Amino acid sequence: MIAFVRGPVVHAGATTAVLDVAGVGYELQCTPSTAAGLRIGHETTLHATLVVREDSMTLFGFADADERAVFETLQTVTGVGPRLALALLSVHSPDALRRAVAAEDVTALTKVPGVGRKGAQRLVLELKDKLGLPTGAGGAAAAAAPTSGPAWQPQVHSALVGLGWSAKEADAAVAAVAEQVEPDADVATVLRLALRSLDRA
């Protein structure tokens, strides 16, 4: 098992990162907030999980061990694979997921593309005794680093498309939140606002 990857960042997209580890570029799938905290050329450490399938090997990277642990726990739920687990963490921080499950907040969980009401109820039922109580720290590291003014727009747009919305829907969501946020708003905050906008639509 690959527990972490450390090296200079050579690429940071909306939901992917490439780290140079001893001359080998490791591509990791990340949440938008984790990817937004990376800086090209800066050495960083991402906690990692390697998901092996018959036709692929995909490396997922996380800002901290708690986010990785929640990612792995989410996949113990019937019908939840790595992509949906990452989508859940793209919309909700680990502690927000803990609060939603503890409060049986089905509405909050259905804000994630790909999660319907029955799926949300299944998440609550199967995670009730697995996620634990909010720690107060989960997701803080991932959302800590803001981006510069215009930088969040392509990242949020790409993240929305990656989560299953059409390019046209992503354009509308970005336009809807552009006037609501400060120029230095972080990607995670803007993404949540954009998802709420799409939910209302």
N, C-alpha and C. Protein backbone atom coordinates (compact mmCIF):
# COMPACT_ATOMS: atom_id res chain seq x y z
N MET A 1 0.84 -1.21 0.00
CA MET A 1 0.00 0.00 0.00
C MET A 1 0.87 1.25 0.00
N ILE A 2 0.48 2.23 -0.78
CA ILE A 2 1.17 3.53 -0.79
C ILE A 2 0.49 4.42 0.23
N ALA A 3 1.20 4.78 1.31
CA ALA A 3 0.62 5.56 2.39
C ALA A 3 0.70 7.06 2.15
N PHE A 4 1.77 7.49 1.48
CA PHE A 4 1.89 8.92 1.16
C PHE A 4 2.84 9.08 0.00
N VAL A 5 2.75 10.26 -0.64
CA VAL A 5 3.65 10.62 -1.74
C VAL A 5 4.21 12.00 -1.42
N ARG A 6 5.54 12.12 -1.51
CA ARG A 6 6.17 13.40 -1.19
C ARG A 6 7.10 13.83 -2.32
N GLY A 7 6.99 15.10 -2.70
CA GLY A 7 7.86 15.62 -3.74
C GLY A 7 7.39 16.97 -4.23
N PRO A 8 8.17 17.62 -5.12
CA PRO A 8 7.74 18.90 -5.69
C PRO A 8 6.50 18.73 -6.55
N VAL A 9 5.62 19.70 -6.51
CA VAL A 9 4.42 19.68 -7.34
C VAL A 9 4.80 20.16 -8.74
N VAL A 10 4.53 19.33 -9.74
CA VAL A 10 4.82 19.72 -11.12
C VAL A 10 3.55 20.05 -11.89
N HIS A 11 2.41 19.65 -11.35
CA HIS A 11 1.13 19.99 -11.98
C HIS A 11 0.05 20.00 -10.90
N ALA A 12 -0.82 21.00 -10.95
CA ALA A 12 -1.96 21.06 -10.03
C ALA A 12 -3.17 21.51 -10.83
N GLY A 13 -4.06 20.57 -11.13
CA GLY A 13 -5.28 20.89 -11.84
C GLY A 13 -6.42 21.11 -10.88
N ALA A 14 -7.64 21.06 -11.39
CA ALA A 14 -8.80 21.27 -10.54
C ALA A 14 -9.01 20.09 -9.59
N THR A 15 -8.76 18.89 -10.08
CA THR A 15 -8.98 17.69 -9.26
C THR A 15 -7.84 16.68 -9.39
N THR A 16 -6.70 17.12 -9.93
CA THR A 16 -5.56 16.23 -10.05
C THR A 16 -4.28 16.96 -9.65
N ALA A 17 -3.29 16.17 -9.29
CA ALA A 17 -1.97 16.72 -8.98
C ALA A 17 -0.92 15.72 -9.44
N VAL A 18 0.24 16.24 -9.86
CA VAL A 18 1.37 15.38 -10.20
C VAL A 18 2.55 15.79 -9.35
N LEU A 19 3.11 14.83 -8.61
CA LEU A 19 4.27 15.08 -7.77
C LEU A 19 5.47 14.34 -8.35
N ASP A 20 6.61 15.00 -8.35
CA ASP A 20 7.85 14.41 -8.84
C ASP A 20 8.53 13.70 -7.68
N VAL A 21 8.49 12.39 -7.70
CA VAL A 21 9.10 11.59 -6.63
C VAL A 21 10.32 10.87 -7.20
N ALA A 22 11.48 11.41 -6.92
CA ALA A 22 12.75 10.82 -7.40
C ALA A 22 12.75 10.63 -8.90
N GLY A 23 12.22 11.62 -9.62
CA GLY A 23 12.23 11.56 -11.07
C GLY A 23 11.06 10.85 -11.70
N VAL A 24 10.14 10.37 -10.89
CA VAL A 24 8.93 9.71 -11.41
C VAL A 24 7.72 10.57 -11.06
N GLY A 25 6.91 10.87 -12.06
CA GLY A 25 5.73 11.71 -11.82
C GLY A 25 4.54 10.86 -11.40
N TYR A 26 4.07 11.08 -10.19
CA TYR A 26 2.90 10.35 -9.68
C TYR A 26 1.67 11.25 -9.81
N GLU A 27 0.67 10.79 -10.57
CA GLU A 27 -0.58 11.54 -10.70
C GLU A 27 -1.56 11.07 -9.64
N LEU A 28 -2.14 12.01 -8.90
CA LEU A 28 -3.10 11.69 -7.86
C LEU A 28 -4.41 12.41 -8.12
N GLN A 29 -5.52 11.71 -7.92
CA GLN A 29 -6.84 12.33 -7.96
C GLN A 29 -7.10 12.95 -6.59
N CYS A 30 -7.56 14.21 -6.57
CA CYS A 30 -7.74 14.94 -5.32
C CYS A 30 -9.10 15.64 -5.29
N THR A 31 -9.50 16.09 -4.12
CA THR A 31 -10.65 16.98 -4.03
C THR A 31 -10.21 18.36 -4.52
N PRO A 32 -11.13 19.19 -4.99
CA PRO A 32 -10.76 20.53 -5.43
C PRO A 32 -10.06 21.35 -4.35
N SER A 33 -10.48 21.20 -3.09
CA SER A 33 -9.85 21.98 -2.03
C SER A 33 -8.42 21.53 -1.78
N THR A 34 -8.16 20.23 -1.89
CA THR A 34 -6.79 19.74 -1.73
C THR A 34 -5.91 20.23 -2.87
N ALA A 35 -6.42 20.12 -4.10
CA ALA A 35 -5.65 20.57 -5.26
C ALA A 35 -5.38 22.07 -5.20
N ALA A 36 -6.34 22.83 -4.68
CA ALA A 36 -6.18 24.29 -4.61
C ALA A 36 -5.09 24.70 -3.64
N GLY A 37 -4.77 23.84 -2.69
CA GLY A 37 -3.74 24.18 -1.72
C GLY A 37 -2.32 23.90 -2.20
N LEU A 38 -2.18 23.35 -3.40
CA LEU A 38 -0.86 23.00 -3.93
C LEU A 38 -0.27 24.14 -4.74
N ARG A 39 1.04 24.24 -4.73
CA ARG A 39 1.74 25.27 -5.50
C ARG A 39 2.83 24.63 -6.34
N ILE A 40 2.86 24.96 -7.63
CA ILE A 40 3.85 24.40 -8.54
C ILE A 40 5.26 24.70 -8.02
N GLY A 41 6.09 23.66 -7.97
CA GLY A 41 7.47 23.81 -7.54
C GLY A 41 7.69 23.64 -6.05
N HIS A 42 6.63 23.69 -5.27
CA HIS A 42 6.76 23.52 -3.82
C HIS A 42 6.69 22.04 -3.46
N GLU A 43 7.57 21.60 -2.58
CA GLU A 43 7.50 20.22 -2.12
C GLU A 43 6.31 20.05 -1.18
N THR A 44 5.60 18.97 -1.36
CA THR A 44 4.43 18.73 -0.51
C THR A 44 4.31 17.24 -0.24
N THR A 45 3.52 16.90 0.75
CA THR A 45 3.21 15.51 1.07
C THR A 45 1.71 15.31 0.99
N LEU A 46 1.30 14.35 0.21
CA LEU A 46 -0.11 13.98 0.13
C LEU A 46 -0.28 12.57 0.67
N HIS A 47 -1.19 12.41 1.61
CA HIS A 47 -1.56 11.08 2.07
C HIS A 47 -2.26 10.39 0.91
N ALA A 48 -2.04 9.10 0.75
CA ALA A 48 -2.49 8.45 -0.49
C ALA A 48 -3.15 7.11 -0.27
N THR A 49 -3.99 6.75 -1.23
CA THR A 49 -4.60 5.43 -1.30
C THR A 49 -4.56 4.98 -2.76
N LEU A 50 -4.08 3.77 -2.97
CA LEU A 50 -4.04 3.21 -4.32
C LEU A 50 -5.24 2.27 -4.49
N VAL A 51 -6.06 2.58 -5.48
CA VAL A 51 -7.23 1.75 -5.77
C VAL A 51 -6.94 0.94 -7.03
N VAL A 52 -6.94 -0.39 -6.89
CA VAL A 52 -6.59 -1.28 -7.99
C VAL A 52 -7.86 -1.94 -8.53
N ARG A 53 -8.05 -1.81 -9.83
CA ARG A 53 -9.15 -2.47 -10.52
C ARG A 53 -8.56 -3.36 -11.62
N GLU A 54 -9.40 -4.16 -12.24
CA GLU A 54 -8.92 -5.06 -13.29
C GLU A 54 -8.23 -4.31 -14.42
N ASP A 55 -8.76 -3.13 -14.74
CA ASP A 55 -8.24 -2.39 -15.88
C ASP A 55 -7.54 -1.09 -15.52
N SER A 56 -7.31 -0.85 -14.24
CA SER A 56 -6.68 0.42 -13.87
C SER A 56 -6.09 0.38 -12.46
N MET A 57 -5.14 1.28 -12.25
CA MET A 57 -4.61 1.54 -10.92
C MET A 57 -4.66 3.05 -10.73
N THR A 58 -5.44 3.52 -9.78
CA THR A 58 -5.65 4.96 -9.59
C THR A 58 -5.17 5.35 -8.20
N LEU A 59 -4.37 6.41 -8.16
CA LEU A 59 -3.83 6.90 -6.90
C LEU A 59 -4.64 8.13 -6.48
N PHE A 60 -5.14 8.11 -5.26
CA PHE A 60 -5.91 9.23 -4.72
C PHE A 60 -5.09 9.92 -3.63
N GLY A 61 -5.05 11.25 -3.67
CA GLY A 61 -4.24 12.01 -2.71
C GLY A 61 -5.09 12.89 -1.82
N PHE A 62 -4.65 13.05 -0.57
CA PHE A 62 -5.43 13.78 0.43
C PHE A 62 -4.53 14.71 1.24
N ALA A 63 -5.13 15.80 1.69
CA ALA A 63 -4.37 16.79 2.44
C ALA A 63 -3.93 16.27 3.80
N ASP A 64 -4.73 15.40 4.39
CA ASP A 64 -4.36 14.86 5.71
C ASP A 64 -4.87 13.44 5.86
N ALA A 65 -4.41 12.79 6.93
CA ALA A 65 -4.76 11.39 7.16
C ALA A 65 -6.25 11.21 7.45
N ASP A 66 -6.88 12.21 8.05
CA ASP A 66 -8.30 12.11 8.37
C ASP A 66 -9.13 12.04 7.10
N GLU A 67 -8.80 12.89 6.13
CA GLU A 67 -9.54 12.89 4.87
C GLU A 67 -9.39 11.53 4.17
N ARG A 68 -8.18 10.99 4.20
CA ARG A 68 -7.96 9.66 3.60
C ARG A 68 -8.77 8.59 4.32
N ALA A 69 -8.78 8.65 5.65
CA ALA A 69 -9.52 7.65 6.43
C ALA A 69 -11.01 7.69 6.13
N VAL A 70 -11.56 8.89 6.00
CA VAL A 70 -12.98 9.03 5.68
C VAL A 70 -13.25 8.52 4.26
N PHE A 71 -12.35 8.82 3.33
CA PHE A 71 -12.46 8.31 1.95
C PHE A 71 -12.55 6.79 1.95
N GLU A 72 -11.71 6.14 2.72
CA GLU A 72 -11.70 4.68 2.76
C GLU A 72 -12.95 4.14 3.46
N THR A 73 -13.40 4.83 4.51
CA THR A 73 -14.60 4.39 5.22
C THR A 73 -15.84 4.53 4.35
N LEU A 74 -15.91 5.60 3.57
CA LEU A 74 -17.06 5.80 2.68
C LEU A 74 -17.25 4.63 1.73
N GLN A 75 -16.15 4.03 1.30
CA GLN A 75 -16.23 2.94 0.33
C GLN A 75 -16.71 1.63 0.94
N THR A 76 -16.89 1.59 2.25
CA THR A 76 -17.47 0.39 2.87
C THR A 76 -18.99 0.38 2.73
N VAL A 77 -19.55 1.50 2.28
CA VAL A 77 -21.00 1.60 2.09
C VAL A 77 -21.37 0.94 0.76
N THR A 78 -22.44 0.18 0.76
CA THR A 78 -22.91 -0.50 -0.44
C THR A 78 -23.14 0.51 -1.58
N GLY A 79 -22.52 0.25 -2.72
CA GLY A 79 -22.73 1.11 -3.88
C GLY A 79 -21.82 2.33 -3.97
N VAL A 80 -20.95 2.51 -2.99
CA VAL A 80 -20.04 3.67 -3.00
C VAL A 80 -18.64 3.23 -3.41
N GLY A 81 -18.20 3.71 -4.57
CA GLY A 81 -16.85 3.44 -5.04
C GLY A 81 -15.96 4.64 -4.80
N PRO A 82 -14.72 4.58 -5.27
CA PRO A 82 -13.79 5.69 -5.03
C PRO A 82 -14.22 7.02 -5.65
N ARG A 83 -14.84 6.98 -6.83
CA ARG A 83 -15.26 8.24 -7.47
C ARG A 83 -16.35 8.94 -6.66
N LEU A 84 -17.32 8.17 -6.21
CA LEU A 84 -18.39 8.78 -5.42
C LEU A 84 -17.87 9.21 -4.05
N ALA A 85 -16.96 8.44 -3.48
CA ALA A 85 -16.37 8.83 -2.19
C ALA A 85 -15.63 10.16 -2.33
N LEU A 86 -14.91 10.32 -3.46
CA LEU A 86 -14.19 11.57 -3.68
C LEU A 86 -15.18 12.72 -3.91
N ALA A 87 -16.29 12.44 -4.61
CA ALA A 87 -17.31 13.46 -4.83
C ALA A 87 -17.91 13.92 -3.50
N LEU A 88 -18.15 12.99 -2.59
CA LEU A 88 -18.68 13.34 -1.27
C LEU A 88 -17.71 14.27 -0.53
N LEU A 89 -16.42 13.97 -0.62
CA LEU A 89 -15.42 14.80 0.06
C LEU A 89 -15.16 16.10 -0.69
N SER A 90 -15.55 16.16 -1.95
CA SER A 90 -15.41 17.41 -2.71
C SER A 90 -16.47 18.43 -2.29
N VAL A 91 -17.61 17.93 -1.84
CA VAL A 91 -18.71 18.80 -1.43
C VAL A 91 -18.69 19.05 0.08
N HIS A 92 -18.37 18.01 0.85
CA HIS A 92 -18.39 18.11 2.31
C HIS A 92 -17.02 17.76 2.89
N SER A 93 -16.58 18.53 3.87
CA SER A 93 -15.36 18.17 4.59
C SER A 93 -15.62 16.91 5.41
N PRO A 94 -14.58 16.23 5.90
CA PRO A 94 -14.80 15.06 6.75
C PRO A 94 -15.73 15.34 7.93
N ASP A 95 -15.52 16.47 8.60
CA ASP A 95 -16.38 16.79 9.75
C ASP A 95 -17.81 17.11 9.33
N ALA A 96 -17.97 17.73 8.17
CA ALA A 96 -19.33 18.01 7.67
C ALA A 96 -20.05 16.71 7.37
N LEU A 97 -19.34 15.72 6.85
CA LEU A 97 -19.95 14.41 6.62
C LEU A 97 -20.32 13.75 7.94
N ARG A 98 -19.45 13.88 8.93
CA ARG A 98 -19.76 13.30 10.25
C ARG A 98 -21.03 13.94 10.83
N ARG A 99 -21.12 15.27 10.69
CA ARG A 99 -22.29 15.96 11.23
C ARG A 99 -23.56 15.55 10.47
N ALA A 100 -23.45 15.44 9.15
CA ALA A 100 -24.62 15.06 8.35
C ALA A 100 -25.10 13.66 8.71
N VAL A 101 -24.16 12.74 8.87
CA VAL A 101 -24.53 11.37 9.22
C VAL A 101 -25.12 11.31 10.63
N ALA A 102 -24.46 12.00 11.57
CA ALA A 102 -24.93 11.98 12.96
C ALA A 102 -26.33 12.58 13.08
N ALA A 103 -26.60 13.63 12.28
CA ALA A 103 -27.89 14.31 12.34
C ALA A 103 -28.91 13.69 11.38
N GLU A 104 -28.48 12.64 10.65
CA GLU A 104 -29.33 12.02 9.62
C GLU A 104 -29.84 13.06 8.63
N ASP A 105 -28.93 13.95 8.24
CA ASP A 105 -29.27 15.05 7.33
C ASP A 105 -29.19 14.55 5.88
N VAL A 106 -30.25 13.92 5.44
CA VAL A 106 -30.31 13.36 4.10
C VAL A 106 -30.20 14.46 3.04
N THR A 107 -30.80 15.61 3.32
CA THR A 107 -30.77 16.72 2.35
C THR A 107 -29.35 17.16 2.05
N ALA A 108 -28.52 17.26 3.08
CA ALA A 108 -27.12 17.67 2.88
C ALA A 108 -26.38 16.66 2.01
N LEU A 109 -26.63 15.39 2.23
CA LEU A 109 -25.94 14.35 1.47
C LEU A 109 -26.39 14.29 0.02
N THR A 110 -27.66 14.61 -0.23
CA THR A 110 -28.15 14.57 -1.61
C THR A 110 -27.67 15.76 -2.44
N LYS A 111 -26.98 16.70 -1.84
CA LYS A 111 -26.38 17.80 -2.60
C LYS A 111 -25.19 17.31 -3.42
N VAL A 112 -24.72 16.12 -3.14
CA VAL A 112 -23.59 15.55 -3.88
C VAL A 112 -24.10 14.91 -5.16
N PRO A 113 -23.60 15.31 -6.32
CA PRO A 113 -24.02 14.68 -7.57
C PRO A 113 -23.81 13.17 -7.50
N GLY A 114 -24.84 12.41 -7.86
CA GLY A 114 -24.73 10.97 -7.82
C GLY A 114 -25.32 10.33 -6.58
N VAL A 115 -25.71 11.16 -5.61
CA VAL A 115 -26.32 10.65 -4.38
C VAL A 115 -27.79 11.05 -4.34
N GLY A 116 -28.67 10.06 -4.49
CA GLY A 116 -30.10 10.30 -4.38
C GLY A 116 -30.57 10.12 -2.95
N ARG A 117 -31.85 10.21 -2.74
CA ARG A 117 -32.38 10.10 -1.38
C ARG A 117 -32.13 8.71 -0.78
N LYS A 118 -32.34 7.68 -1.57
CA LYS A 118 -32.10 6.33 -1.05
C LYS A 118 -30.63 6.11 -0.74
N GLY A 119 -29.77 6.64 -1.62
CA GLY A 119 -28.34 6.52 -1.38
C GLY A 119 -27.91 7.25 -0.12
N ALA A 120 -28.50 8.42 0.09
CA ALA A 120 -28.19 9.20 1.29
C ALA A 120 -28.64 8.47 2.54
N GLN A 121 -29.82 7.86 2.47
CA GLN A 121 -30.32 7.09 3.62
C GLN A 121 -29.42 5.89 3.91
N ARG A 122 -28.89 5.29 2.85
CA ARG A 122 -27.98 4.16 3.01
C ARG A 122 -26.68 4.63 3.67
N LEU A 123 -26.20 5.80 3.25
CA LEU A 123 -24.99 6.35 3.87
C LEU A 123 -25.18 6.56 5.36
N VAL A 124 -26.31 7.14 5.73
CA VAL A 124 -26.60 7.38 7.15
C VAL A 124 -26.65 6.06 7.91
N LEU A 125 -27.35 5.10 7.34
CA LEU A 125 -27.53 3.81 8.02
C LEU A 125 -26.21 3.06 8.22
N GLU A 126 -25.41 3.01 7.14
CA GLU A 126 -24.20 2.19 7.20
C GLU A 126 -23.00 2.90 7.82
N LEU A 127 -23.04 4.25 7.88
CA LEU A 127 -21.90 4.98 8.44
C LEU A 127 -22.12 5.42 9.89
N LYS A 128 -23.31 5.20 10.39
CA LYS A 128 -23.70 5.72 11.70
C LYS A 128 -22.65 5.45 12.78
N ASP A 129 -22.12 4.23 12.80
CA ASP A 129 -21.17 3.86 13.85
C ASP A 129 -19.73 3.77 13.35
N LYS A 130 -19.48 4.30 12.14
CA LYS A 130 -18.14 4.16 11.56
C LYS A 130 -17.34 5.46 11.50
N LEU A 131 -18.03 6.58 11.25
CA LEU A 131 -17.32 7.84 11.05
C LEU A 131 -16.91 8.51 12.35
N GLY A 132 -17.63 8.26 13.42
CA GLY A 132 -17.30 8.91 14.69
C GLY A 132 -17.82 10.33 14.76
N LEU A 133 -17.42 11.03 15.81
CA LEU A 133 -17.86 12.41 16.02
C LEU A 133 -16.96 13.40 15.29
N PRO A 134 -17.46 14.60 14.98
CA PRO A 134 -16.61 15.62 14.35
C PRO A 134 -15.38 15.90 15.20
N THR A 135 -14.25 16.05 14.53
CA THR A 135 -12.99 16.28 15.25
C THR A 135 -12.70 17.76 15.44
N GLY A 136 -13.33 18.59 14.58
CA GLY A 136 -13.03 20.03 14.63
C GLY A 136 -11.87 20.41 13.77
N ALA A 137 -11.17 19.41 13.21
CA ALA A 137 -9.99 19.71 12.39
C ALA A 137 -10.08 19.14 10.99
N GLY A 138 -10.95 18.16 10.76
CA GLY A 138 -11.02 17.50 9.46
C GLY A 138 -11.34 18.47 8.35
N GLY A 139 -10.53 18.44 7.32
CA GLY A 139 -10.76 19.29 6.15
C GLY A 139 -10.17 20.67 6.27
N ALA A 140 -9.70 21.06 7.46
CA ALA A 140 -9.18 22.41 7.62
C ALA A 140 -7.94 22.64 6.79
N ALA A 141 -7.06 21.63 6.77
CA ALA A 141 -5.83 21.79 6.01
C ALA A 141 -6.11 21.89 4.53
N ALA A 142 -7.11 21.13 4.08
CA ALA A 142 -7.41 21.12 2.66
C ALA A 142 -7.96 22.44 2.19
N ALA A 143 -8.72 23.12 3.04
CA ALA A 143 -9.38 24.35 2.60
C ALA A 143 -8.63 25.59 3.02
N ALA A 144 -7.43 25.43 3.57
CA ALA A 144 -6.76 26.56 4.18
C ALA A 144 -6.17 27.52 3.17
N ALA A 145 -5.75 27.00 2.02
CA ALA A 145 -4.99 27.84 1.12
C ALA A 145 -5.88 28.48 0.08
N PRO A 146 -6.02 29.82 0.12
CA PRO A 146 -6.84 30.48 -0.88
C PRO A 146 -6.12 30.60 -2.20
N THR A 147 -6.89 30.82 -3.23
CA THR A 147 -6.29 31.07 -4.54
C THR A 147 -6.49 32.53 -4.89
N SER A 148 -5.76 32.99 -5.88
CA SER A 148 -5.91 34.38 -6.29
C SER A 148 -7.22 34.55 -7.03
N GLY A 149 -7.64 35.82 -7.19
CA GLY A 149 -8.97 36.14 -7.71
C GLY A 149 -9.49 35.27 -8.83
N PRO A 150 -8.97 35.44 -10.08
CA PRO A 150 -9.55 34.72 -11.20
C PRO A 150 -9.26 33.22 -11.16
N ALA A 151 -8.30 32.78 -10.36
CA ALA A 151 -7.83 31.40 -10.43
C ALA A 151 -8.90 30.38 -10.07
N TRP A 152 -9.83 30.75 -9.17
CA TRP A 152 -10.82 29.76 -8.75
C TRP A 152 -11.80 29.40 -9.85
N GLN A 153 -12.02 30.31 -10.80
CA GLN A 153 -13.07 30.07 -11.79
C GLN A 153 -12.84 28.82 -12.64
N PRO A 154 -11.68 28.65 -13.29
CA PRO A 154 -11.49 27.42 -14.06
C PRO A 154 -11.45 26.17 -13.18
N GLN A 155 -10.93 26.32 -11.96
CA GLN A 155 -10.87 25.16 -11.07
C GLN A 155 -12.27 24.71 -10.65
N VAL A 156 -13.12 25.67 -10.30
CA VAL A 156 -14.49 25.33 -9.90
C VAL A 156 -15.25 24.76 -11.10
N HIS A 157 -15.08 25.37 -12.25
CA HIS A 157 -15.76 24.89 -13.45
C HIS A 157 -15.36 23.44 -13.75
N SER A 158 -14.06 23.17 -13.73
CA SER A 158 -13.58 21.82 -14.02
C SER A 158 -14.07 20.82 -12.97
N ALA A 159 -14.11 21.27 -11.72
CA ALA A 159 -14.57 20.40 -10.64
C ALA A 159 -16.04 20.03 -10.83
N LEU A 160 -16.85 21.00 -11.23
CA LEU A 160 -18.28 20.73 -11.44
C LEU A 160 -18.49 19.74 -12.59
N VAL A 161 -17.74 19.94 -13.67
CA VAL A 161 -17.84 19.02 -14.81
C VAL A 161 -17.37 17.63 -14.38
N GLY A 162 -16.29 17.59 -13.58
CA GLY A 162 -15.79 16.31 -13.08
C GLY A 162 -16.77 15.60 -12.18
N LEU A 163 -17.64 16.38 -11.50
CA LEU A 163 -18.64 15.80 -10.61
C LEU A 163 -19.92 15.40 -11.35
N GLY A 164 -19.96 15.64 -12.66
CA GLY A 164 -21.09 15.13 -13.43
C GLY A 164 -22.01 16.18 -14.03
N TRP A 165 -21.76 17.47 -13.77
CA TRP A 165 -22.60 18.51 -14.37
C TRP A 165 -22.11 18.80 -15.78
N SER A 166 -23.00 19.29 -16.62
CA SER A 166 -22.61 19.64 -17.98
C SER A 166 -21.82 20.95 -17.96
N ALA A 167 -21.09 21.21 -19.05
CA ALA A 167 -20.30 22.45 -19.14
C ALA A 167 -21.22 23.67 -19.05
N LYS A 168 -22.40 23.57 -19.67
CA LYS A 168 -23.35 24.69 -19.63
C LYS A 168 -23.83 24.95 -18.21
N GLU A 169 -24.13 23.88 -17.48
CA GLU A 169 -24.56 24.02 -16.09
C GLU A 169 -23.44 24.59 -15.23
N ALA A 170 -22.21 24.14 -15.50
CA ALA A 170 -21.06 24.64 -14.74
C ALA A 170 -20.85 26.13 -15.02
N ASP A 171 -21.01 26.54 -16.30
CA ASP A 171 -20.89 27.96 -16.65
C ASP A 171 -21.91 28.80 -15.87
N ALA A 172 -23.14 28.31 -15.82
CA ALA A 172 -24.20 29.05 -15.14
C ALA A 172 -23.92 29.15 -13.64
N ALA A 173 -23.42 28.07 -13.06
CA ALA A 173 -23.14 28.08 -11.62
C ALA A 173 -22.00 29.03 -11.28
N VAL A 174 -20.96 29.02 -12.11
CA VAL A 174 -19.82 29.93 -11.89
C VAL A 174 -20.28 31.38 -12.00
N ALA A 175 -21.11 31.67 -13.00
CA ALA A 175 -21.63 33.03 -13.17
C ALA A 175 -22.50 33.44 -11.98
N ALA A 176 -23.27 32.48 -11.46
CA ALA A 176 -24.18 32.78 -10.35
C ALA A 176 -23.46 33.15 -9.07
N VAL A 177 -22.30 32.54 -8.85
CA VAL A 177 -21.59 32.80 -7.58
C VAL A 177 -20.51 33.87 -7.72
N ALA A 178 -20.18 34.26 -8.95
CA ALA A 178 -19.07 35.19 -9.17
C ALA A 178 -19.27 36.51 -8.44
N GLU A 179 -20.52 36.96 -8.34
CA GLU A 179 -20.79 38.24 -7.69
C GLU A 179 -20.95 38.10 -6.17
N GLN A 180 -20.97 36.88 -5.68
CA GLN A 180 -21.21 36.65 -4.26
C GLN A 180 -19.94 36.50 -3.44
N VAL A 181 -18.82 36.22 -4.11
CA VAL A 181 -17.60 35.88 -3.38
C VAL A 181 -16.52 36.93 -3.56
N GLU A 182 -15.62 36.98 -2.60
CA GLU A 182 -14.47 37.88 -2.68
C GLU A 182 -13.48 37.34 -3.72
N PRO A 183 -12.65 38.23 -4.28
CA PRO A 183 -11.67 37.78 -5.28
C PRO A 183 -10.71 36.71 -4.75
N ASP A 184 -10.46 36.73 -3.43
CA ASP A 184 -9.50 35.76 -2.88
C ASP A 184 -10.19 34.57 -2.22
N ALA A 185 -11.45 34.33 -2.54
CA ALA A 185 -12.18 33.19 -1.98
C ALA A 185 -11.49 31.89 -2.38
N ASP A 186 -11.50 30.89 -1.47
CA ASP A 186 -10.85 29.63 -1.80
C ASP A 186 -11.80 28.74 -2.62
N VAL A 187 -11.21 27.81 -3.33
CA VAL A 187 -11.95 26.96 -4.26
C VAL A 187 -13.04 26.16 -3.57
N ALA A 188 -12.73 25.62 -2.40
CA ALA A 188 -13.71 24.79 -1.69
C ALA A 188 -14.97 25.57 -1.36
N THR A 189 -14.80 26.81 -0.90
CA THR A 189 -15.95 27.65 -0.55
C THR A 189 -16.79 27.97 -1.78
N VAL A 190 -16.12 28.36 -2.86
CA VAL A 190 -16.83 28.72 -4.09
C VAL A 190 -17.54 27.49 -4.67
N LEU A 191 -16.88 26.33 -4.59
CA LEU A 191 -17.49 25.11 -5.12
C LEU A 191 -18.77 24.77 -4.37
N ARG A 192 -18.76 24.92 -3.06
CA ARG A 192 -19.97 24.63 -2.28
C ARG A 192 -21.10 25.59 -2.65
N LEU A 193 -20.76 26.87 -2.86
CA LEU A 193 -21.77 27.85 -3.27
C LEU A 193 -22.32 27.50 -4.65
N ALA A 194 -21.43 27.09 -5.55
CA ALA A 194 -21.87 26.74 -6.90
C ALA A 194 -22.79 25.53 -6.87
N LEU A 195 -22.49 24.56 -6.02
CA LEU A 195 -23.32 23.37 -5.92
C LEU A 195 -24.69 23.71 -5.34
N ARG A 196 -24.71 24.63 -4.39
CA ARG A 196 -26.01 25.08 -3.83
C ARG A 196 -26.82 25.76 -4.92
N SER A 197 -26.14 26.55 -5.75
CA SER A 197 -26.82 27.24 -6.85
C SER A 197 -27.45 26.24 -7.81
N LEU A 198 -26.70 25.20 -8.13
CA LEU A 198 -27.21 24.16 -9.02
C LEU A 198 -28.36 23.40 -8.38
N ASP A 199 -28.27 23.20 -7.07
CA ASP A 199 -29.33 22.49 -6.35
C ASP A 199 -30.63 23.27 -6.38
N ARG A 200 -30.53 24.60 -6.23
CA ARG A 200 -31.73 25.45 -6.26
C ARG A 200 -32.33 25.47 -7.66
N ALA A 201 -31.46 25.40 -8.66
CA ALA A 201 -31.94 25.44 -10.04
C ALA A 201 -32.69 24.15 -10.38
